[in-house]
Protein backbone atom coordinates (compact mmCIF):
# COMPACT_ATOMS: atom_id res chain seq x y z
CA MET A 1 205.67 -45.56 208.45
CA ARG A 2 203.51 -48.58 207.66
CA PRO A 3 203.02 -49.09 203.90
CA GLY A 4 199.88 -47.44 202.56
CA LEU A 5 197.60 -49.49 200.32
CA LEU A 6 194.74 -47.98 198.29
CA PHE A 7 192.22 -50.59 197.13
CA ILE A 8 190.05 -49.60 194.17
CA VAL A 9 186.92 -51.62 193.36
CA ASN A 10 184.19 -51.00 190.80
CA SER A 11 181.49 -50.89 193.46
CA LEU A 12 180.40 -52.45 196.74
CA GLY A 13 177.49 -54.23 195.10
CA ILE A 14 176.84 -57.95 195.52
CA GLY A 15 179.41 -59.93 193.52
CA GLY A 16 182.21 -62.42 194.05
CA ALA A 17 185.04 -59.99 193.29
CA GLU A 18 183.53 -57.26 195.47
CA LYS A 19 182.90 -59.70 198.31
CA GLN A 20 186.50 -60.89 198.11
CA VAL A 21 187.79 -57.31 198.52
CA VAL A 22 185.65 -56.71 201.59
CA THR A 23 186.65 -60.06 203.11
CA LEU A 24 190.34 -59.41 202.46
CA LEU A 25 190.24 -55.92 203.95
CA ASN A 26 188.48 -57.26 207.04
CA HIS A 27 191.30 -59.74 207.63
CA LEU A 28 194.42 -57.74 206.75
CA ASP A 29 196.39 -56.46 209.72
CA PRO A 30 195.91 -52.68 210.11
CA THR A 31 199.06 -52.53 212.25
CA HIS A 32 201.00 -53.85 209.23
CA PHE A 33 199.39 -51.74 206.47
CA ARG A 34 197.57 -48.42 206.29
CA LEU A 35 194.39 -49.45 204.47
CA HIS A 36 192.29 -47.24 202.20
CA LEU A 37 189.33 -48.19 200.00
CA ALA A 38 187.79 -46.35 197.04
CA TYR A 39 184.72 -47.65 195.21
CA LEU A 40 183.99 -46.14 191.83
CA LYS A 41 180.21 -46.51 191.46
CA PRO A 42 177.70 -45.65 194.22
CA ASP A 43 176.46 -49.19 194.90
CA GLU A 44 176.94 -49.89 198.62
CA LEU A 45 175.13 -53.14 199.49
CA LEU A 46 178.32 -54.64 200.92
CA LEU A 47 179.30 -51.52 202.88
CA PRO A 48 177.71 -52.72 206.17
CA GLN A 49 179.92 -55.84 206.01
CA LEU A 50 183.09 -53.75 205.89
CA GLN A 51 184.93 -53.33 209.21
CA ARG A 52 185.51 -49.64 208.64
CA GLU A 53 187.36 -49.16 211.92
CA LYS A 54 190.30 -51.06 210.37
CA LEU A 55 190.56 -48.64 207.46
CA ASP A 56 192.11 -45.20 207.41
CA GLU A 57 189.68 -44.04 204.73
CA VAL A 58 186.67 -45.16 202.67
CA LEU A 59 185.97 -43.05 199.59
CA SER A 60 182.99 -43.09 197.21
CA CYS A 61 184.13 -41.76 193.83
CA ASP A 62 180.58 -41.45 192.44
CA VAL A 63 181.71 -42.22 188.87
CA ARG A 64 179.08 -41.13 186.33
CA ARG A 65 180.87 -41.80 183.02
CA PRO A 66 183.45 -44.31 181.74
CA VAL A 67 186.37 -42.01 182.57
CA ASP A 68 185.31 -39.49 185.20
CA ARG A 69 187.96 -36.75 185.55
CA ALA A 70 186.66 -35.63 188.92
CA ALA A 71 186.97 -39.17 190.27
CA VAL A 72 190.51 -39.46 188.89
CA GLY A 73 191.37 -36.17 190.61
CA ARG A 74 190.05 -37.40 193.96
CA LEU A 75 192.04 -40.62 193.67
CA ARG A 76 195.24 -38.74 192.81
CA SER A 77 194.70 -36.50 195.83
CA VAL A 78 194.39 -39.55 198.08
CA VAL A 79 197.56 -41.10 196.63
CA ALA A 80 199.52 -37.90 197.30
CA ALA A 81 198.02 -36.85 200.63
CA ARG A 82 198.03 -40.33 202.17
CA GLN A 83 201.47 -41.26 200.83
CA ILE A 84 200.14 -44.40 199.15
CA ASP A 85 202.79 -47.01 198.38
CA ALA A 86 200.66 -49.36 196.28
CA ILE A 87 197.33 -49.21 194.49
CA VAL A 88 195.46 -52.53 194.48
CA CYS A 89 192.75 -52.79 191.81
CA THR A 90 190.03 -55.37 191.35
CA ASN A 91 189.50 -56.42 187.72
CA SER A 92 190.13 -54.41 184.58
CA TYR A 93 187.89 -51.33 184.92
CA SER A 94 189.25 -50.34 188.32
CA MET A 95 192.73 -51.06 186.94
CA LEU A 96 192.16 -48.27 184.41
CA TYR A 97 191.46 -45.87 187.28
CA GLY A 98 194.47 -47.24 189.15
CA HIS A 99 196.76 -46.35 186.24
CA LEU A 100 195.24 -42.88 185.98
CA ALA A 101 195.49 -42.34 189.75
CA ARG A 102 199.16 -43.34 189.79
CA GLY A 103 200.00 -41.14 186.83
CA SER A 104 203.74 -40.87 186.36
CA ASN A 105 204.61 -41.40 190.03
CA PRO A 106 207.44 -43.99 189.97
CA ASN A 107 207.19 -44.65 193.71
CA VAL A 108 203.68 -46.12 193.62
CA ARG A 109 203.30 -49.81 192.77
CA LEU A 110 200.24 -50.97 190.84
CA VAL A 111 198.66 -54.35 191.59
CA THR A 112 195.60 -55.84 189.90
CA VAL A 113 193.61 -58.78 191.28
CA PHE A 114 191.99 -60.40 188.23
CA HIS A 115 188.86 -62.52 188.62
CA THR A 116 187.95 -63.16 184.98
CA THR A 117 188.81 -66.10 182.77
CA LYS A 118 186.38 -66.30 179.88
CA LEU A 119 185.33 -63.13 178.04
CA GLN A 120 181.64 -63.45 177.23
CA THR A 121 180.65 -60.58 174.94
CA CYS A 122 182.09 -58.86 171.89
CA LYS A 123 182.32 -55.68 173.98
CA GLU A 124 184.45 -57.42 176.61
CA LYS A 125 186.74 -58.85 173.94
CA ALA A 126 187.17 -55.42 172.33
CA GLN A 127 187.89 -53.78 175.70
CA MET A 128 190.52 -56.42 176.41
CA LEU A 129 192.60 -55.04 173.52
CA LEU A 130 193.09 -51.90 175.63
CA TYR A 131 193.30 -53.63 178.97
CA ARG A 132 196.04 -55.98 177.76
CA GLN A 133 198.38 -53.00 177.49
CA LEU A 134 197.50 -51.89 181.02
CA PHE A 135 197.94 -55.40 182.45
CA LYS A 136 201.45 -55.50 181.01
CA ARG A 137 202.32 -52.32 182.92
CA CYS A 138 201.13 -53.64 186.30
CA ASP A 139 203.88 -54.34 188.79
CA LEU A 140 201.99 -57.44 189.93
CA LEU A 141 199.00 -59.28 188.49
CA VAL A 142 197.25 -61.52 191.01
CA TYR A 143 195.17 -64.45 189.76
CA VAL A 144 192.72 -66.32 191.97
CA CYS A 145 193.63 -69.84 190.76
CA GLU A 146 196.33 -71.65 188.81
CA ASN A 147 194.04 -72.63 185.93
CA GLN A 148 193.22 -68.98 185.37
CA ARG A 149 196.89 -68.00 185.34
CA ARG A 150 197.66 -70.82 182.89
CA HIS A 151 194.83 -69.70 180.60
CA TRP A 152 195.96 -66.09 180.40
CA ARG A 153 199.61 -66.99 180.00
CA GLU A 154 198.58 -69.14 177.02
CA GLN A 155 196.69 -66.09 175.71
CA GLY A 156 199.95 -64.13 175.79
CA LEU A 157 199.19 -61.96 178.83
CA ARG A 158 202.60 -61.21 180.36
CA PRO A 159 202.70 -58.60 183.14
CA ILE A 160 205.89 -57.66 184.95
CA ALA A 161 205.09 -60.34 187.55
CA ASP A 162 202.14 -62.59 188.32
CA GLN A 163 201.13 -64.69 191.32
CA VAL A 164 198.19 -66.75 192.53
CA VAL A 165 196.33 -65.90 195.74
CA TYR A 166 193.41 -68.27 196.16
CA ASN A 167 190.07 -66.92 197.31
CA GLY A 168 189.37 -67.86 200.89
CA ILE A 169 186.33 -67.89 203.16
CA ASP A 170 185.65 -67.63 206.88
CA THR A 171 185.22 -71.34 207.57
CA CYS A 172 184.12 -70.66 211.16
CA GLY A 173 181.12 -68.82 209.78
CA PHE A 174 180.34 -71.70 207.41
CA THR A 175 180.15 -74.54 209.90
CA GLU A 176 176.81 -76.17 210.64
CA GLY A 177 175.80 -75.28 214.19
CA ARG A 178 172.16 -76.34 214.21
CA SER A 179 170.72 -79.65 215.34
CA SER A 180 169.31 -82.14 212.83
CA THR A 181 165.83 -81.36 214.18
CA GLU A 182 166.28 -77.65 213.45
CA GLN A 183 167.63 -78.40 209.98
CA LEU A 184 164.69 -80.68 209.17
CA ALA A 185 162.20 -78.06 210.39
CA PHE A 186 163.74 -75.41 208.15
CA ARG A 187 163.76 -77.82 205.22
CA ARG A 188 160.07 -78.57 205.71
CA GLY A 189 159.38 -74.85 205.86
CA LEU A 190 160.68 -74.67 202.30
CA GLY A 191 158.23 -77.37 201.23
CA PHE A 192 160.69 -80.29 201.18
CA GLN A 193 160.23 -83.56 203.02
CA ALA A 194 162.79 -85.82 204.69
CA GLY A 195 162.76 -88.29 201.80
CA ASP A 196 163.25 -85.70 199.06
CA PHE A 197 166.59 -85.44 197.25
CA VAL A 198 167.16 -81.67 197.37
CA ILE A 199 169.65 -80.23 194.90
CA GLY A 200 170.80 -76.66 195.50
CA LEU A 201 172.35 -73.93 193.36
CA CYS A 202 173.48 -70.69 195.02
CA SER A 203 174.15 -67.86 192.55
CA GLY A 204 172.64 -64.84 190.90
CA LEU A 205 170.03 -65.68 188.28
CA ARG A 206 172.11 -64.58 185.31
CA PRO A 207 172.54 -66.15 181.85
CA GLU A 208 176.07 -67.45 182.41
CA LYS A 209 174.96 -69.40 185.50
CA ALA A 210 172.91 -71.72 183.22
CA HIS A 211 170.16 -72.59 185.72
CA GLY A 212 168.24 -74.22 182.88
CA ASP A 213 170.85 -77.01 182.74
CA LEU A 214 170.13 -77.94 186.35
CA LEU A 215 166.39 -77.82 185.76
CA ALA A 216 166.77 -80.16 182.78
CA ALA A 217 168.82 -82.56 184.92
CA ILE A 218 166.18 -82.50 187.66
CA ALA A 219 163.52 -83.35 185.06
CA LYS A 220 165.66 -86.30 183.88
CA LEU A 221 166.07 -87.56 187.43
CA ARG A 222 162.36 -87.36 188.12
CA ALA A 223 161.64 -89.28 184.92
CA ARG A 224 163.92 -92.03 186.29
CA GLY A 225 161.96 -92.19 189.54
CA VAL A 226 164.31 -90.08 191.71
CA ALA A 227 162.45 -87.77 194.12
CA ALA A 228 164.61 -84.85 192.97
CA LYS A 229 163.81 -81.31 194.10
CA GLY A 230 165.57 -78.04 193.31
CA LEU A 231 166.39 -75.04 195.49
CA LEU A 232 167.65 -71.99 193.58
CA ILE A 233 169.19 -69.61 196.11
CA GLY A 234 169.32 -66.09 194.71
CA ASP A 235 167.60 -63.74 192.29
CA GLY A 236 168.40 -61.81 189.16
CA PRO A 237 167.37 -60.75 185.66
CA GLU A 238 166.92 -64.33 184.40
CA ARG A 239 164.21 -65.16 186.92
CA PRO A 240 161.26 -64.79 184.47
CA ALA A 241 162.98 -67.05 181.93
CA ILE A 242 163.83 -69.59 184.64
CA GLU A 243 160.24 -69.60 185.88
CA ARG A 244 159.04 -70.27 182.32
CA THR A 245 161.46 -73.19 182.08
CA ILE A 246 160.17 -74.56 185.38
CA THR A 247 156.64 -74.45 183.99
CA ARG A 248 157.65 -76.00 180.65
CA LEU A 249 159.32 -78.91 182.44
CA ASP A 250 156.34 -79.31 184.79
CA LEU A 251 158.51 -78.68 187.86
CA GLN A 252 156.34 -76.08 189.59
CA GLU A 253 155.82 -78.34 192.63
CA HIS A 254 159.43 -79.41 192.77
CA VAL A 255 161.59 -76.27 192.48
CA ARG A 256 161.79 -73.27 194.82
CA ILE A 257 163.43 -69.89 194.17
CA THR A 258 164.40 -68.10 197.38
CA GLY A 259 165.11 -64.62 196.04
CA VAL A 260 168.04 -62.60 197.41
CA ARG A 261 169.23 -63.84 200.81
CA GLU A 262 171.89 -62.01 202.76
CA ASP A 263 172.63 -65.16 204.77
CA VAL A 264 172.48 -68.32 202.66
CA ARG A 265 173.79 -70.82 205.20
CA ALA A 266 170.47 -72.29 206.32
CA PHE A 267 169.35 -72.68 202.69
CA VAL A 268 172.56 -74.47 201.69
CA SER A 269 172.24 -76.72 204.75
CA ALA A 270 168.71 -77.65 203.66
CA CYS A 271 170.12 -79.26 200.50
CA ASP A 272 171.53 -82.76 200.12
CA VAL A 273 173.97 -81.74 197.41
CA MET A 274 175.04 -78.44 195.88
CA THR A 275 175.76 -77.67 192.25
CA LEU A 276 177.33 -74.99 190.10
CA VAL A 277 176.49 -75.45 186.42
CA SER A 278 177.91 -72.19 185.09
CA ARG A 279 179.24 -71.75 181.56
CA THR A 280 181.87 -69.34 182.91
CA GLU A 281 183.37 -69.18 186.41
CA THR A 282 186.85 -68.56 187.76
CA PHE A 283 187.03 -69.57 191.44
CA SER A 284 183.64 -69.67 193.08
CA LEU A 285 183.19 -68.44 196.65
CA ALA A 286 179.74 -70.09 196.68
CA ALA A 287 181.43 -73.42 195.97
CA LEU A 288 183.82 -72.97 198.90
CA GLU A 289 180.96 -72.00 201.22
CA SER A 290 178.93 -75.06 200.21
CA MET A 291 181.93 -77.35 200.69
CA SER A 292 182.68 -75.81 204.08
CA LEU A 293 179.13 -76.67 205.15
CA GLY A 294 179.82 -80.31 204.30
CA LYS A 295 178.03 -80.50 200.98
CA PRO A 296 179.41 -82.56 198.09
CA LEU A 297 179.59 -80.43 194.97
CA VAL A 298 178.73 -81.26 191.36
CA MET A 299 180.36 -78.54 189.30
CA SER A 300 180.98 -77.72 185.65
CA ASP A 301 184.65 -78.21 184.87
CA ILE A 302 185.63 -74.64 184.08
CA GLY A 303 188.02 -72.10 185.60
CA GLY A 304 189.44 -73.33 188.88
CA ALA A 305 186.79 -76.00 189.48
CA SER A 306 189.36 -78.81 189.30
CA GLU A 307 191.38 -77.04 192.00
CA GLN A 308 188.35 -76.97 194.29
CA VAL A 309 186.70 -80.31 193.58
CA ILE A 310 188.66 -83.57 193.55
CA ARG A 311 186.76 -86.01 191.34
CA GLY A 312 185.13 -88.76 193.38
CA ARG A 313 186.61 -87.47 196.64
CA THR A 314 184.89 -84.14 197.37
CA GLY A 315 182.37 -84.13 194.52
CA TYR A 316 182.17 -84.50 190.77
CA LEU A 317 182.99 -82.45 187.69
CA PHE A 318 181.22 -82.51 184.33
CA PRO A 319 181.73 -80.75 181.00
CA PRO A 320 179.68 -77.52 180.95
CA GLY A 321 176.37 -78.09 179.20
CA ASP A 322 176.52 -81.91 179.50
CA ILE A 323 173.16 -82.44 181.18
CA GLU A 324 173.30 -86.23 180.99
CA MET A 325 176.62 -86.32 182.86
CA LEU A 326 175.29 -83.81 185.40
CA ALA A 327 172.25 -86.04 186.00
CA LYS A 328 174.46 -89.13 186.28
CA HIS A 329 176.62 -87.58 189.00
CA LEU A 330 173.58 -86.31 190.88
CA GLU A 331 171.96 -89.74 190.75
CA ALA A 332 175.09 -91.27 192.27
CA LEU A 333 174.77 -88.85 195.17
CA THR A 334 171.32 -90.13 196.12
CA SER A 335 173.37 -92.47 198.35
CA PRO A 336 173.43 -90.93 201.87
CA ALA A 337 176.66 -92.75 202.71
CA LEU A 338 178.45 -91.37 199.64
CA ARG A 339 177.14 -87.86 200.33
CA ALA A 340 178.42 -88.00 203.90
CA ARG A 341 181.87 -89.23 202.86
CA LEU A 342 182.33 -86.67 200.08
CA GLY A 343 180.85 -83.87 202.19
CA GLU A 344 183.27 -84.48 205.04
CA ALA A 345 186.20 -84.50 202.62
CA ALA A 346 184.94 -81.29 200.98
CA ALA A 347 184.76 -79.46 204.31
CA ARG A 348 188.23 -80.69 205.26
CA ARG A 349 189.70 -79.51 201.95
CA VAL A 350 188.38 -75.98 202.40
CA ARG A 351 189.69 -75.81 205.95
CA ASP A 352 193.09 -77.04 204.81
CA LEU A 353 193.51 -74.81 201.79
CA PHE A 354 190.97 -72.07 201.23
CA THR A 355 190.59 -70.07 204.44
CA VAL A 356 190.42 -66.30 204.59
CA GLN A 357 193.37 -66.37 206.99
CA GLY A 358 195.45 -68.15 204.37
CA MET A 359 194.34 -65.70 201.69
CA ALA A 360 195.27 -62.68 203.84
CA ALA A 361 198.66 -64.17 204.79
CA ARG A 362 199.51 -64.96 201.17
CA PHE A 363 198.44 -61.48 199.99
CA THR A 364 200.47 -59.84 202.77
CA ASP A 365 203.56 -61.80 201.76
CA CYS A 366 203.14 -60.79 198.10
CA MET A 367 202.76 -57.11 199.02
CA ASP A 368 205.71 -57.14 201.43
CA ARG A 369 207.97 -58.65 198.80
CA LEU A 370 206.76 -56.27 196.11
CA LEU A 371 207.29 -53.17 198.25
CA GLU A 372 210.68 -54.39 199.42
CA GLY A 373 211.77 -55.00 195.84
CA ARG A 374 211.86 -58.77 196.21
CA ALA A 375 210.10 -61.20 193.88
CA PRO A 376 206.96 -62.73 195.45
CA THR A 377 207.33 -66.42 196.29
CA THR A 378 206.06 -68.85 193.69
CA ALA A 379 203.93 -70.95 196.05
CA SER A 380 200.24 -70.09 195.79
CA GLY A 381 198.83 -71.76 198.88
CA VAL A 382 197.82 -75.04 197.25
CA GLY A 383 200.94 -76.01 195.38
CA ARG A 384 201.66 -77.02 191.83
CA ARG A 385 199.01 -78.67 189.73
CA ASN A 386 200.24 -82.20 190.48
CA ASP A 387 200.05 -81.49 194.23
CA LEU A 388 196.38 -80.50 194.23
CA THR A 389 195.14 -83.86 195.48
CA ALA A 390 197.46 -83.73 198.50
CA PRO A 391 196.28 -80.75 200.58
CA ARG A 392 198.59 -79.06 203.01
CA ARG A 393 197.74 -76.50 205.64
CA VAL A 394 198.15 -72.76 205.03
């Protein structure tokens, strides 16, 4: 019988970790694994993107409290009835349910895919005291970049085994297919002209994404005579505060907020350069999508940013919160020739290293080795740290 995998995710709401689960399930081979998915909370925005015909089962656990006994019971029933060989959890909360669903069954392996690097709140730090004990009991802990694995190893997190499986994207879906005339028409529809220097940021409007840093950099550029414009792709709880900052910096005529967009490709293509100025990030899918569309990236040097962006070759990195350095890098990219060269290299790097096909193949290899009792291979898809500037195909 094919091995049975039960994926547990907090929800199917919009988020990088949730999107990665859906993307991975859509690209795993259902003739190789029996695939099951359980989502704890009834948020289903990503459900239409799931290729349900590839899965044996999709289960909503309808969790209403931190530890919902009824949900645990349903998960245990699935593990027993479907003869599940491994439970694959996404992040710490679903890992708790994975441990409870496995119970004392020695034949079920427990895997956790961890997307977090920096703990932001006192609550998260307190919860980590519990989760550390659960991480140590996982049969395999999967990180999404080498920098993240290095960070948590330095913090003393030592599971039974750990590996890196880089996030990947569907590069075919993030290739510019429109003519320059169509792109310019869309850009003008947003209120931008051909001569504007349009700087984009694609993320939820949340505090940790630090949109105010980009707005401050745009204000600096405009004060220096650069025709800088901003396109904030997304929405979220910080929108009122961001709009107040736009007004305070007198940028009302120069910054647009798109709101939630299911398909962001045309908006990213309308920009000359893309940024991510977050104060915390692990391995951004938005960054990979922007790079795949041929956009040079200016990114805060946190998490796996240095594994995505090669300084001066595919974009630039700056210390988080350093607005002057952010503005300096953006000003350098007012050169169309430099943008074209870095954008081409960025797209090539994603196609060489960070495809969804590579992610699925690497994950499959890790699971096969785990279930066969062999140690997963040490290669992560990019190579050791000192090999990061020399991409190889996956």
